[in-house]
C-alpha atoms as a PDB file:
ATOM      1  CA  MET A   1       0.000   0.000   0.000  1.00  0.00           C
ATOM      2  CA  LYS A   2       1.453   3.349  -1.035  1.00  0.00           C
ATOM      3  CA  GLN A   3       2.262   5.572   1.907  1.00  0.00           C
ATOM      4  CA  PHE A   4       0.777   9.077   1.902  1.00  0.00           C
ATOM      5  CA  SER A   5       3.297  11.859   2.505  1.00  0.00           C
ATOM      6  CA  LEU A   6       2.530  15.442   3.413  1.00  0.00           C
ATOM      7  CA  LEU A   7       5.816  16.420   1.753  1.00  0.00           C
ATOM      8  CA  SER A   8       4.879  15.160  -1.707  1.00  0.00           C
ATOM      9  CA  ARG A   9       4.727  17.570  -4.632  1.00  0.00           C
ATOM     10  CA  ARG A  10       1.048  16.883  -5.249  1.00  0.00           C
ATOM     11  CA  VAL A  11       0.130  17.821  -1.697  1.00  0.00           C
ATOM     12  CA  ALA A  12       2.294  20.935  -1.908  1.00  0.00           C
ATOM     13  CA  ALA A  13       0.618  21.924  -5.173  1.00  0.00           C
ATOM     14  CA  LEU A  14      -2.786  21.361  -3.592  1.00  0.00           C
ATOM     15  CA  PHE A  15      -1.990  23.721  -0.744  1.00  0.00           C
ATOM     16  CA  LEU A  16      -0.526  26.329  -3.112  1.00  0.00           C
ATOM     17  CA  ALA A  17      -3.404  26.162  -5.591  1.00  0.00           C
ATOM     18  CA  PRO A  18      -5.822  28.591  -3.800  1.00  0.00           C
ATOM     19  CA  GLY A  19      -3.107  31.226  -3.437  1.00  0.00           C
ATOM     20  CA  ALA A  20      -1.953  30.730  -7.020  1.00  0.00           C
ATOM     21  CA  ILE A  21      -5.528  31.122  -8.292  1.00  0.00           C
ATOM     22  CA  LEU A  22      -6.000  34.363  -6.346  1.00  0.00           C
ATOM     23  CA  VAL A  23      -2.664  35.738  -7.596  1.00  0.00           C
ATOM     24  CA  GLY A  24      -3.597  34.830 -11.153  1.00  0.00           C
ATOM     25  CA  LEU A  25      -7.058  36.408 -10.943  1.00  0.00           C
ATOM     26  CA  PHE A  26      -6.206  39.608  -9.078  1.00  0.00           C
ATOM     27  CA  ILE A  27      -2.580  40.304 -10.094  1.00  0.00           C
ATOM     28  CA  LEU A  28      -1.484  38.532 -13.273  1.00  0.00           C
ATOM     29  CA  LEU A  29      -4.762  38.838 -15.203  1.00  0.00           C
ATOM     30  CA  PRO A  30      -5.185  42.600 -14.521  1.00  0.00           C
ATOM     31  CA  PHE A  31      -1.487  43.105 -15.295  1.00  0.00           C
ATOM     32  CA  PHE A  32      -1.766  41.656 -18.797  1.00  0.00           C
ATOM     33  CA  TRP A  33      -5.189  43.255 -19.320  1.00  0.00           C
ATOM     34  CA  VAL A  34      -3.735  46.719 -18.626  1.00  0.00           C
ATOM     35  CA  ILE A  35      -0.917  46.079 -21.094  1.00  0.00           C
ATOM     36  CA  PHE A  36      -3.458  45.040 -23.750  1.00  0.00           C
ATOM     37  CA  VAL A  37      -5.726  48.044 -23.123  1.00  0.00           C
ATOM     38  CA  SER A  38      -2.745  50.413 -23.429  1.00  0.00           C
ATOM     39  CA  PHE A  39      -2.581  49.527 -27.129  1.00  0.00           C
ATOM     40  CA  THR A  40      -6.245  50.413 -27.719  1.00  0.00           C
ATOM     41  CA  ASN A  41      -8.376  53.577 -27.659  1.00  0.00           C
ATOM     42  CA  ARG A  42     -10.817  52.158 -25.112  1.00  0.00           C
ATOM     43  CA  THR A  43     -12.921  54.761 -23.290  1.00  0.00           C
ATOM     44  CA  LEU A  44     -15.763  54.646 -20.796  1.00  0.00           C
ATOM     45  CA  LEU A  45     -18.227  56.525 -23.003  1.00  0.00           C
ATOM     46  CA  GLY A  46     -18.886  56.676 -26.726  1.00  0.00           C
ATOM     47  CA  ARG A  47     -18.327  54.284 -29.580  1.00  0.00           C
ATOM     48  CA  THR A  48     -14.966  52.985 -28.349  1.00  0.00           C
ATOM     49  CA  ALA A  49     -16.408  51.943 -25.002  1.00  0.00           C
ATOM     50  CA  LEU A  50     -17.901  48.754 -26.498  1.00  0.00           C
ATOM     51  CA  ASN A  51     -15.785  48.456 -29.621  1.00  0.00           C
ATOM     52  CA  PRO A  52     -12.272  49.706 -28.880  1.00  0.00           C
ATOM     53  CA  GLU A  53      -9.813  49.820 -31.737  1.00  0.00           C
ATOM     54  CA  PHE A  54      -6.192  48.710 -31.751  1.00  0.00           C
ATOM     55  CA  VAL A  55      -4.023  51.834 -32.083  1.00  0.00           C
ATOM     56  CA  GLY A  56      -0.560  50.395 -31.486  1.00  0.00           C
ATOM     57  CA  LEU A  57       1.844  52.800 -29.785  1.00  0.00           C
ATOM     58  CA  GLN A  58      -0.368  55.849 -30.302  1.00  0.00           C
ATOM     59  CA  ASN A  59      -1.099  56.286 -26.569  1.00  0.00           C
ATOM     60  CA  TYR A  60       2.596  56.153 -25.714  1.00  0.00           C
ATOM     61  CA  VAL A  61       3.458  58.603 -28.511  1.00  0.00           C
ATOM     62  CA  ARG A  62       0.882  61.049 -27.136  1.00  0.00           C
ATOM     63  CA  LEU A  63       2.397  60.824 -23.667  1.00  0.00           C
ATOM     64  CA  PHE A  64       5.917  61.546 -24.919  1.00  0.00           C
ATOM     65  CA  ASP A  65       4.951  64.184 -27.495  1.00  0.00           C
ATOM     66  CA  PRO A  66       7.751  66.838 -27.296  1.00  0.00           C
ATOM     67  CA  ALA A  67       5.268  69.629 -28.056  1.00  0.00           C
ATOM     68  CA  THR A  68       3.278  69.020 -24.849  1.00  0.00           C
ATOM     69  CA  PHE A  69       5.627  66.906 -22.717  1.00  0.00           C
ATOM     70  CA  PHE A  70       6.633  69.707 -20.323  1.00  0.00           C
ATOM     71  CA  THR A  71       3.247  71.453 -20.291  1.00  0.00           C
ATOM     72  CA  ARG A  72       1.721  71.568 -16.839  1.00  0.00           C
ATOM     73  CA  GLY A  73      -1.024  68.973 -16.565  1.00  0.00           C
ATOM     74  CA  GLN A  74       0.644  66.636 -19.055  1.00  0.00           C
ATOM     75  CA  PHE A  75       2.584  63.413 -18.495  1.00  0.00           C
ATOM     76  CA  GLY A  76       6.066  64.951 -18.565  1.00  0.00           C
ATOM     77  CA  SER A  77       5.197  67.616 -16.007  1.00  0.00           C
ATOM     78  CA  SER A  78       3.711  64.996 -13.660  1.00  0.00           C
ATOM     79  CA  LEU A  79       6.801  62.815 -14.106  1.00  0.00           C
ATOM     80  CA  ILE A  80       9.084  65.705 -13.102  1.00  0.00           C
ATOM     81  CA  ILE A  81       6.903  66.590 -10.107  1.00  0.00           C
ATOM     82  CA  THR A  82       6.859  62.939  -9.015  1.00  0.00           C
ATOM     83  CA  THR A  83      10.649  62.658  -9.333  1.00  0.00           C
ATOM     84  CA  GLU A  84      11.168  65.754  -7.184  1.00  0.00           C
ATOM     85  CA  PHE A  85       8.593  64.462  -4.716  1.00  0.00           C
ATOM     86  CA  VAL A  86      10.336  61.086  -4.397  1.00  0.00           C
ATOM     87  CA  LEU A  87      13.800  62.623  -4.001  1.00  0.00           C
ATOM     88  CA  LEU A  88      12.728  65.111  -1.334  1.00  0.00           C
ATOM     89  CA  SER A  89      10.102  63.080   0.472  1.00  0.00           C
ATOM     90  CA  ALA A  90      11.465  59.536   0.321  1.00  0.00           C
ATOM     91  CA  LEU A  91      15.244  59.709  -0.013  1.00  0.00           C
ATOM     92  CA  VAL A  92      15.998  62.973   1.809  1.00  0.00           C
ATOM     93  CA  GLY A  93      12.997  63.052   4.120  1.00  0.00           C
ATOM     94  CA  GLN A  94      11.875  59.583   5.141  1.00  0.00           C
ATOM     95  CA  ALA A  95      15.158  57.692   4.882  1.00  0.00           C
ATOM     96  CA  LEU A  96      17.462  60.265   6.490  1.00  0.00           C
ATOM     97  CA  LEU A  97      14.949  61.402   9.107  1.00  0.00           C
ATOM     98  CA  GLY A  98      14.041  57.821   9.998  1.00  0.00           C
ATOM     99  CA  LEU A  99      17.719  56.886  10.263  1.00  0.00           C
ATOM    100  CA  LEU A 100      18.488  59.901  12.466  1.00  0.00           C
ATOM    101  CA  LEU A 101      15.526  59.290  14.782  1.00  0.00           C
ATOM    102  CA  ALA A 102      16.355  55.586  15.092  1.00  0.00           C
ATOM    103  CA  TRP A 103      19.955  56.388  16.018  1.00  0.00           C
ATOM    104  CA  LEU A 104      18.911  59.003  18.580  1.00  0.00           C
ATOM    105  CA  MET A 105      16.502  56.510  20.139  1.00  0.00           C
ATOM    106  CA  GLN A 106      19.409  54.227  21.035  1.00  0.00           C
ATOM    107  CA  ALA A 107      20.524  56.737  23.665  1.00  0.00           C
ATOM    108  CA  ILE A 108      17.225  57.303  25.522  1.00  0.00           C
ATOM    109  CA  ARG A 109      15.845  55.396  28.484  1.00  0.00           C
ATOM    110  CA  PRO A 110      13.986  52.124  27.759  1.00  0.00           C
ATOM    111  CA  GLY A 111      10.676  53.420  29.137  1.00  0.00           C
ATOM    112  CA  LEU A 112      10.750  56.571  27.012  1.00  0.00           C
ATOM    113  CA  LYS A 113      11.922  54.532  24.026  1.00  0.00           C
ATOM    114  CA  ARG A 114       8.900  52.215  24.263  1.00  0.00           C
ATOM    115  CA  PHE A 115       6.595  55.233  24.517  1.00  0.00           C
ATOM    116  CA  VAL A 116       8.102  56.828  21.409  1.00  0.00           C
ATOM    117  CA  GLU A 117       7.877  53.534  19.525  1.00  0.00           C
ATOM    118  CA  ALA A 118       4.195  53.218  20.457  1.00  0.00           C
ATOM    119  CA  MET A 119       3.495  56.746  19.200  1.00  0.00           C
ATOM    120  CA  VAL A 120       5.348  56.097  15.947  1.00  0.00           C
ATOM    121  CA  ILE A 121       3.538  52.815  15.340  1.00  0.00           C
ATOM    122  CA  GLY A 122       0.254  54.579  16.019  1.00  0.00           C
ATOM    123  CA  ALA A 123       1.053  57.196  13.365  1.00  0.00           C
ATOM    124  CA  TRP A 124       1.995  54.436  10.918  1.00  0.00           C
ATOM    125  CA  ILE A 125      -1.035  52.174  11.347  1.00  0.00           C
ATOM    126  CA  LEU A 126      -3.653  54.928  11.101  1.00  0.00           C
ATOM    127  CA  PRO A 127      -5.552  54.782   7.782  1.00  0.00           C
ATOM    128  CA  GLU A 128      -4.222  57.161   5.154  1.00  0.00           C
ATOM    129  CA  VAL A 129      -7.648  58.733   4.670  1.00  0.00           C
ATOM    130  CA  VAL A 130      -7.786  59.657   8.366  1.00  0.00           C
ATOM    131  CA  ILE A 131      -4.276  61.100   8.229  1.00  0.00           C
ATOM    132  CA  GLY A 132      -5.081  63.061   5.072  1.00  0.00           C
ATOM    133  CA  PHE A 133      -8.181  64.700   6.491  1.00  0.00           C
ATOM    134  CA  ALA A 134      -6.389  65.390   9.793  1.00  0.00           C
ATOM    135  CA  TRP A 135      -3.688  67.287   7.922  1.00  0.00           C
ATOM    136  CA  PHE A 136      -6.313  69.122   5.880  1.00  0.00           C
ATOM    137  CA  ALA A 137      -7.985  70.235   9.113  1.00  0.00           C
ATOM    138  CA  PHE A 138      -4.594  71.283  10.468  1.00  0.00           C
ATOM    139  CA  LEU A 139      -3.698  73.401   7.412  1.00  0.00           C
ATOM    140  CA  ASP A 140      -7.119  74.835   6.503  1.00  0.00           C
ATOM    141  CA  TYR A 141      -6.915  78.601   6.021  1.00  0.00           C
ATOM    142  CA  ASP A 142     -10.135  79.621   7.784  1.00  0.00           C
ATOM    143  CA  ASN A 143     -10.461  77.152  10.660  1.00  0.00           C
ATOM    144  CA  GLY A 144      -7.202  75.215  10.596  1.00  0.00           C
ATOM    145  CA  THR A 145      -5.330  74.510  13.804  1.00  0.00           C
ATOM    146  CA  LEU A 146      -2.042  75.928  12.500  1.00  0.00           C
ATOM    147  CA  ASN A 147      -3.565  79.284  11.519  1.00  0.00           C
ATOM    148  CA  MET A 148      -5.425  79.491  14.826  1.00  0.00           C
ATOM    149  CA  ILE A 149      -2.094  79.103  16.626  1.00  0.00           C
ATOM    150  CA  MET A 150      -0.474  81.715  14.383  1.00  0.00           C
ATOM    151  CA  ARG A 151      -3.300  84.171  14.969  1.00  0.00           C
ATOM    152  CA  GLY A 152      -3.001  83.558  18.709  1.00  0.00           C
ATOM    153  CA  LEU A 153       0.701  84.424  18.515  1.00  0.00           C
ATOM    154  CA  GLY A 154      -0.049  87.575  16.549  1.00  0.00           C
ATOM    155  CA  LEU A 155       1.366  86.188  13.307  1.00  0.00           C
ATOM    156  CA  PRO A 156      -0.356  86.463   9.914  1.00  0.00           C
ATOM    157  CA  PRO A 157      -2.106  83.255   8.793  1.00  0.00           C
ATOM    158  CA  GLY A 158      -1.015  81.493   5.647  1.00  0.00           C
ATOM    159  CA  ASP A 159      -2.926  79.662   2.960  1.00  0.00           C
ATOM    160  CA  PHE A 160      -0.341  76.889   2.720  1.00  0.00           C
ATOM    161  CA  LEU A 161      -2.430  74.564   0.556  1.00  0.00           C
ATOM    162  CA  LEU A 162      -2.684  77.331  -2.053  1.00  0.00           C
ATOM    163  CA  GLN A 163       0.678  79.072  -1.742  1.00  0.00           C
ATOM    164  CA  GLN A 164       3.058  76.153  -1.046  1.00  0.00           C
ATOM    165  CA  PRO A 165       1.115  73.014  -2.052  1.00  0.00           C
ATOM    166  CA  PHE A 166       4.180  71.014  -3.193  1.00  0.00           C
ATOM    167  CA  TRP A 167       6.064  71.499   0.063  1.00  0.00           C
ATOM    168  CA  VAL A 168       2.897  70.652   1.975  1.00  0.00           C
ATOM    169  CA  ILE A 169       2.655  67.210   0.378  1.00  0.00           C
ATOM    170  CA  VAL A 170       6.423  66.665   0.786  1.00  0.00           C
ATOM    171  CA  ILE A 171       6.260  67.394   4.526  1.00  0.00           C
ATOM    172  CA  PHE A 172       3.041  65.416   4.856  1.00  0.00           C
ATOM    173  CA  ASN A 173       4.489  62.321   3.189  1.00  0.00           C
ATOM    174  CA  THR A 174       7.772  62.650   5.106  1.00  0.00           C
ATOM    175  CA  TRP A 175       5.892  62.766   8.397  1.00  0.00           C
ATOM    176  CA  ARG A 176       3.839  59.781   7.350  1.00  0.00           C
ATOM    177  CA  GLY A 177       6.648  57.626   5.981  1.00  0.00           C
ATOM    178  CA  ALA A 178       9.491  58.439   8.374  1.00  0.00           C
ATOM    179  CA  ALA A 179       7.733  56.269  10.962  1.00  0.00           C
ATOM    180  CA  PHE A 180       8.311  53.141   8.884  1.00  0.00           C
ATOM    181  CA  SER A 181      11.968  53.963   8.252  1.00  0.00           C
ATOM    182  CA  MET A 182      12.535  54.697  11.909  1.00  0.00           C
ATOM    183  CA  MET A 183      11.019  51.379  13.013  1.00  0.00           C
ATOM    184  CA  LEU A 184      13.041  49.438  10.426  1.00  0.00           C
ATOM    185  CA  PHE A 185      16.342  51.109  11.355  1.00  0.00           C
ATOM    186  CA  ASN A 186      15.565  50.833  15.053  1.00  0.00           C
ATOM    187  CA  SER A 187      15.242  47.059  14.665  1.00  0.00           C
ATOM    188  CA  ALA A 188      18.458  47.019  12.625  1.00  0.00           C
ATOM    189  CA  PHE A 189      20.405  48.875  15.321  1.00  0.00           C
ATOM    190  CA  ALA A 190      18.986  46.577  17.996  1.00  0.00           C
ATOM    191  CA  SER A 191      20.422  43.557  16.124  1.00  0.00           C
ATOM    192  CA  ILE A 192      24.001  44.868  16.463  1.00  0.00           C
ATOM    193  CA  PRO A 193      25.854  43.225  19.403  1.00  0.00           C
ATOM    194  CA  PRO A 194      26.276  45.777  22.248  1.00  0.00           C
ATOM    195  CA  SER A 195      29.905  44.701  22.675  1.00  0.00           C
ATOM    196  CA  TYR A 196      30.776  46.526  19.435  1.00  0.00           C
ATOM    197  CA  PHE A 197      29.669  49.862  20.873  1.00  0.00           C
ATOM    198  CA  GLN A 198      31.172  49.099  24.292  1.00  0.00           C
ATOM    199  CA  ALA A 199      34.553  48.525  22.674  1.00  0.00           C
ATOM    200  CA  ALA A 200      34.175  51.800  20.788  1.00  0.00           C
ATOM    201  CA  ASP A 201      33.356  53.611  24.049  1.00  0.00           C
ATOM    202  CA  VAL A 202      36.528  52.228  25.616  1.00  0.00           C
ATOM    203  CA  ALA A 203      38.495  53.499  22.611  1.00  0.00           C
ATOM    204  CA  GLY A 204      36.959  56.957  23.089  1.00  0.00           C
ATOM    205  CA  ALA A 205      34.922  57.014  19.873  1.00  0.00           C
ATOM    206  CA  SER A 206      32.309  59.729  19.457  1.00  0.00           C
ATOM    207  CA  SER A 207      28.669  59.070  18.615  1.00  0.00           C
ATOM    208  CA  TRP A 208      29.286  60.082  14.993  1.00  0.00           C
ATOM    209  CA  GLN A 209      32.288  57.729  14.723  1.00  0.00           C
ATOM    210  CA  LYS A 210      30.287  54.827  16.145  1.00  0.00           C
ATOM    211  CA  PHE A 211      27.489  55.536  13.686  1.00  0.00           C
ATOM    212  CA  ARG A 212      29.817  55.912  10.681  1.00  0.00           C
ATOM    213  CA  ASP A 213      32.283  53.085  11.376  1.00  0.00           C
ATOM    214  CA  ILE A 214      30.120  50.492  13.175  1.00  0.00           C
ATOM    215  CA  ALA A 215      26.387  50.977  12.814  1.00  0.00           C
ATOM    216  CA  LEU A 216      26.053  52.122   9.200  1.00  0.00           C
ATOM    217  CA  PRO A 217      28.231  49.376   7.608  1.00  0.00           C
ATOM    218  CA  LEU A 218      26.323  46.702   9.547  1.00  0.00           C
ATOM    219  CA  ILE A 219      22.865  47.857   8.453  1.00  0.00           C
ATOM    220  CA  ARG A 220      23.550  48.433   4.746  1.00  0.00           C
ATOM    221  CA  GLY A 221      21.179  45.633   3.808  1.00  0.00           C
ATOM    222  CA  HIS A 222      18.409  47.277   5.831  1.00  0.00           C
ATOM    223  CA  VAL A 223      19.163  50.616   4.156  1.00  0.00           C
ATOM    224  CA  VAL A 224      18.756  49.077   0.687  1.00  0.00           C
ATOM    225  CA  THR A 225      15.514  47.384   1.754  1.00  0.00           C
ATOM    226  CA  ASP A 226      14.168  50.640   3.163  1.00  0.00           C
ATOM    227  CA  LEU A 227      15.086  52.592   0.021  1.00  0.00           C
ATOM    228  CA  ILE A 228      13.398  50.033  -2.240  1.00  0.00           C
ATOM    229  CA  LEU A 229      10.173  50.058  -0.249  1.00  0.00           C
ATOM    230  CA  ILE A 230       9.816  53.776   0.431  1.00  0.00           C
ATOM    231  CA  THR A 231      10.815  54.740  -3.121  1.00  0.00           C
ATOM    232  CA  MET A 232       8.174  52.487  -4.650  1.00  0.00           C
ATOM    233  CA  TRP A 233       5.544  53.470  -2.085  1.00  0.00           C
ATOM    234  CA  THR A 234       6.246  57.174  -2.547  1.00  0.00           C
ATOM    235  CA  PHE A 235       6.329  56.899  -6.335  1.00  0.00           C
ATOM    236  CA  ASN A 236       2.848  55.336  -6.297  1.00  0.00           C
ATOM    237  CA  VAL A 237       1.340  57.207  -3.347  1.00  0.00           C
ATOM    238  CA  PHE A 238      -2.122  58.685  -3.894  1.00  0.00           C
ATOM    239  CA  THR A 239      -2.841  60.181  -0.455  1.00  0.00           C
ATOM    240  CA  PRO A 240      -1.729  63.766  -1.372  1.00  0.00           C
ATOM    241  CA  PHE A 241      -4.862  63.856  -3.521  1.00  0.00           C
ATOM    242  CA  LEU A 242      -6.841  64.252  -0.282  1.00  0.00           C
ATOM    243  CA  LEU A 243      -4.999  67.508   0.449  1.00  0.00           C
ATOM    244  CA  THR A 244      -4.633  69.222  -2.905  1.00  0.00           C
ATOM    245  CA  HIS A 245      -6.514  67.133  -5.527  1.00  0.00           C
ATOM    246  CA  GLY A 246      -3.449  67.563  -7.722  1.00  0.00           C
ATOM    247  CA  GLY A 247      -3.764  71.352  -7.740  1.00  0.00           C
ATOM    248  CA  PRO A 248      -3.714  74.198  -7.723  1.00  0.00           C
ATOM    249  CA  ALA A 249      -3.079  74.397 -11.469  1.00  0.00           C
ATOM    250  CA  TYR A 250      -1.621  70.840 -11.534  1.00  0.00           C
ATOM    251  CA  ARG A 251       1.284  71.889  -9.252  1.00  0.00           C
ATOM    252  CA  THR A 252       0.952  68.727  -7.141  1.00  0.00           C
ATOM    253  CA  GLU A 253      -0.337  66.325  -9.763  1.00  0.00           C
ATOM    254  CA  LEU A 254       1.808  63.255  -9.166  1.00  0.00           C
ATOM    255  CA  LEU A 255       1.826  60.433 -11.709  1.00  0.00           C
ATOM    256  CA  SER A 256      -0.675  58.457  -9.644  1.00  0.00           C
ATOM    257  CA  ILE A 257      -3.055  61.429  -9.576  1.00  0.00           C
ATOM    258  CA  TYR A 258      -2.473  62.135 -13.276  1.00  0.00           C
ATOM    259  CA  ASN A 259      -3.250  58.504 -14.053  1.00  0.00           C
ATOM    260  CA  TYR A 260      -6.463  58.727 -12.026  1.00  0.00           C
ATOM    261  CA  ARG A 261      -7.525  61.910 -13.832  1.00  0.00           C
ATOM    262  CA  VAL A 262      -6.861  60.530 -17.303  1.00  0.00           C
ATOM    263  CA  ALA A 263      -8.530  57.168 -16.711  1.00  0.00           C
ATOM    264  CA  PHE A 264     -11.417  57.973 -14.357  1.00  0.00           C
ATOM    265  CA  ARG A 265     -12.180  61.634 -15.008  1.00  0.00           C
ATOM    266  CA  ASP A 266     -11.388  61.998 -18.699  1.00  0.00           C
ATOM    267  CA  PHE A 267     -12.435  58.334 -19.234  1.00  0.00           C
ATOM    268  CA  GLU A 268      -9.489  57.639 -21.555  1.00  0.00           C
ATOM    269  CA  PHE A 269      -8.835  54.071 -20.426  1.00  0.00           C
ATOM    270  CA  GLY A 270      -6.324  53.350 -23.182  1.00  0.00           C
ATOM    271  CA  LYS A 271      -4.161  56.355 -22.336  1.00  0.00           C
ATOM    272  CA  GLY A 272      -4.550  55.691 -18.621  1.00  0.00           C
ATOM    273  CA  ALA A 273      -3.457  52.090 -19.114  1.00  0.00           C
ATOM    274  CA  ALA A 274      -0.361  53.325 -20.980  1.00  0.00           C
ATOM    275  CA  VAL A 275       0.494  55.545 -18.018  1.00  0.00           C
ATOM    276  CA  GLY A 276       0.038  52.561 -15.704  1.00  0.00           C
ATOM    277  CA  VAL A 277       2.400  50.434 -17.801  1.00  0.00           C
ATOM    278  CA  ILE A 278       5.055  53.172 -17.719  1.00  0.00           C
ATOM    279  CA  ILE A 279       4.694  53.472 -13.937  1.00  0.00           C
ATOM    280  CA  MET A 280       5.170  49.700 -13.582  1.00  0.00           C
ATOM    281  CA  LEU A 281       8.301  49.830 -15.747  1.00  0.00           C
ATOM    282  CA  ILE A 282       9.750  52.710 -13.714  1.00  0.00           C
ATOM    283  CA  ASN A 283       9.102  50.785 -10.493  1.00  0.00           C
ATOM    284  CA  LEU A 284      10.824  47.751 -11.996  1.00  0.00           C
ATOM    285  CA  VAL A 285      13.878  49.801 -12.993  1.00  0.00           C
ATOM    286  CA  LEU A 286      14.137  51.387  -9.531  1.00  0.00           C
ATOM    287  CA  ALA A 287      13.900  47.993  -7.830  1.00  0.00           C
ATOM    288  CA  LEU A 288      16.577  46.517 -10.122  1.00  0.00           C
ATOM    289  CA  ILE A 289      18.910  49.457  -9.451  1.00  0.00           C
ATOM    290  CA  TYR A 290      18.586  49.122  -5.686  1.00  0.00           C
ATOM    291  CA  LEU A 291      18.998  45.339  -5.813  1.00  0.00           C
ATOM    292  CA  SER A 292      22.096  45.720  -7.981  1.00  0.00           C
ATOM    293  CA  ILE A 293      23.580  48.147  -5.466  1.00  0.00           C
ATOM    294  CA  GLY A 294      22.758  45.749  -2.640  1.00  0.00           C
ATOM    295  CA  ARG A 295      24.404  42.817  -4.438  1.00  0.00           C
ATOM    296  CA  ARG A 296      27.555  44.813  -5.136  1.00  0.00           C
ATOM    297  CA  LYS A 297      27.884  45.854  -1.506  1.00  0.00           C
ATOM    298  CA  SER A 298      27.253  42.310  -0.319  1.00  0.00           C
ATOM    299  CA  LYS A 299      29.844  40.959  -2.749  1.00  0.00           C
ATOM    300  CA  ALA A 300      32.378  43.571  -1.660  1.00  0.00           C
ATOM    301  CA  GLU A 301      31.809  42.729   2.015  1.00  0.00           C
ATOM    302  CA  LYS A 302      32.319  38.992   1.347  1.00  0.00           C
ATOM    303  CA  GLU A 303      35.524  39.659  -0.559  1.00  0.00           C
ATOM    304  CA  ALA A 304      36.791  41.905   2.233  1.00  0.00           C
ATOM    305  CA  ALA A 305      35.958  39.223   4.822  1.00  0.00           C
ATOM    306  CA  THR A 306      37.903  36.569   2.926  1.00  0.00           C
END
């Protein structure tokens, strides 16, 4: 009689089948459907809603048309705004601020450290819609908390959402995302053996020297992981829409918001699908770049160890 084994390939395939079906239905199928639609002139209304026509690369040519590429409200303008947003909010803001806060937390008392960690986790787990409307209430010109404080101090109020909308969404996303970076780097620092820092203290090393020569080289893998995640999240983030709706005058229209406007406001599904394909390709390139950097550093560390 043949013995039944839970480790057989058939049993493994049986357990994996439900997950594979869900991945196929909700990830792979939409992925290929978007690619197909990007080569058509499908719309929500009109003749091409039911009978879309194959137009080849026409949607992509329209997006990269030199005559309108840099015009505000077009694809090129949104791409530039998104690039600036990612550089300032993710790389400069979230990564550096999270790293600095995590390092400073290593020097505070355990009780205070747990309190700070609880507050940071609370800010991270709150729904983005709640956070967005909370910031809108904070920055509102007429009844916002910030302007009420400024009026109480005798300072003139500011219409920040109208005058400095780009910096508002940069600060907003930095505040939101730095919590994740801080928690990741805090766990990375906690994994370093305390004896390394104790030996550095005996040698008279400063806090900066311990960070530069001990902590940072040991958490390079965590840094690469953090950069991959926050770059992709920030590149695709949609929450700033709750604050500015992409305005005023398209000054905060990120690629995600531009894609939403083209596909679900202008009802140009073909063009919107082309934008989605380009966004996926950019995400892929960013991930490959970061992974390549991580592999090179890992290879260099192994060669130095041998």
